[in-house]
Protein backbone atom coordinates (compact mmCIF):
# COMPACT_ATOMS: atom_id res chain seq x y z
CA MET A 1 -0.32 -0.12 -0.07
CA PRO A 2 1.50 3.49 -0.90
CA THR A 3 2.53 5.84 1.94
CA GLY A 4 1.10 8.83 -0.09
CA TYR A 5 0.42 10.43 -3.61
CA ASN A 6 1.74 13.27 -5.09
CA SER A 7 0.32 16.12 -6.69
CA LYS A 8 -0.11 14.20 -10.02
CA GLY A 9 -1.53 11.40 -8.52
CA ASN A 10 1.68 8.93 -8.65
CA ALA A 11 1.74 6.70 -5.92
CA TYR A 12 5.08 6.95 -3.49
CA ASN A 13 6.51 4.62 -0.54
CA ALA A 14 9.13 6.39 2.07
CA PRO A 15 10.58 4.59 2.71
CA ALA A 16 10.82 1.89 0.21
CA VAL A 17 8.43 -1.54 1.33
CA SER A 18 11.82 -3.58 0.66
CA GLN A 19 13.97 -1.49 2.82
CA PRO A 20 11.83 -0.36 6.16
CA ASN A 21 13.24 1.87 8.71
CA THR A 22 15.56 3.95 5.57
CA SER A 23 16.05 6.82 3.90
CA SER A 24 14.93 4.78 0.97
CA TYR A 25 11.56 5.82 -1.30
CA HIS A 26 9.92 4.22 -4.14
CA TYR A 27 7.66 6.02 -6.65
CA SER A 28 4.90 4.38 -8.61
CA ASN A 29 4.11 6.59 -11.90
CA SER A 30 0.77 6.34 -13.49
CA ASN A 31 2.23 6.16 -16.93
CA GLY A 32 3.76 2.55 -15.48
CA SER A 33 7.28 4.26 -15.02
CA TYR A 34 8.61 3.91 -11.85
CA TYR A 35 11.93 4.64 -9.60
CA TYR A 36 13.79 3.48 -6.97
CA SER A 37 16.22 5.92 -4.53
CA ASN A 38 17.67 3.01 -2.51
CA SER A 39 19.22 3.53 1.40
CA ASN A 40 23.07 3.12 -0.19
CA GLY A 41 22.31 5.84 -2.37
CA SER A 42 21.66 3.79 -5.73
CA THR A 43 19.03 4.54 -8.06
CA TYR A 44 17.06 2.64 -10.28
CA SER A 45 14.41 3.62 -12.97
CA ASN A 46 12.20 2.13 -15.57
CA ASN A 47 9.89 4.61 -18.01
CA GLY A 48 7.46 1.73 -18.14
CA GLN A 49 8.51 0.96 -21.40
CA GLY A 50 11.30 -1.38 -21.72
CA SER A 51 14.14 1.11 -20.98
CA ALA A 52 15.40 1.15 -17.71
CA LYS A 53 18.56 3.22 -15.56
CA TYR A 54 20.62 1.70 -12.68
CA THR A 55 23.06 4.33 -11.33
CA SER A 56 25.45 2.62 -8.39
CA PRO A 57 26.47 4.51 -5.29
CA SER A 58 29.69 4.94 -6.63
CA GLY A 59 27.72 7.26 -9.92
CA SER A 60 28.53 4.20 -12.16
CA THR A 61 24.87 4.06 -14.86
CA THR A 62 24.19 1.03 -16.15
CA HIS A 63 21.06 1.21 -19.04
CA TYR A 64 18.80 -1.72 -19.82
CA VAL A 65 16.88 -2.28 -22.80
CA ASP A 66 13.68 -4.87 -22.24
CA ALA A 67 14.06 -3.85 -18.99
CA GLU A 68 10.58 -5.18 -17.95
CA LEU A 69 12.37 -8.61 -17.86
CA LEU A 70 14.77 -7.59 -15.08
CA PRO A 71 12.61 -7.71 -11.42
CA ASP A 72 11.17 -4.73 -9.82
CA SER A 73 12.66 -4.18 -6.97
CA VAL A 74 16.66 -3.51 -6.44
């Protein structure tokens, strides 16, 4: 269940369900995209159309195609 909704109607969980008691958060957007900000400083975003991007805590970025094949949590 979402913690709340922003002004655009997108659901968010803070902290992310998979990372309780942390500064993490997760957005599930009405267009099918989603975004994770993880407690270790990494981020993961998926545009809901098969493209995704992971940024590690050190700042290196990996792009994915056909990202729907990846798990929806990090």
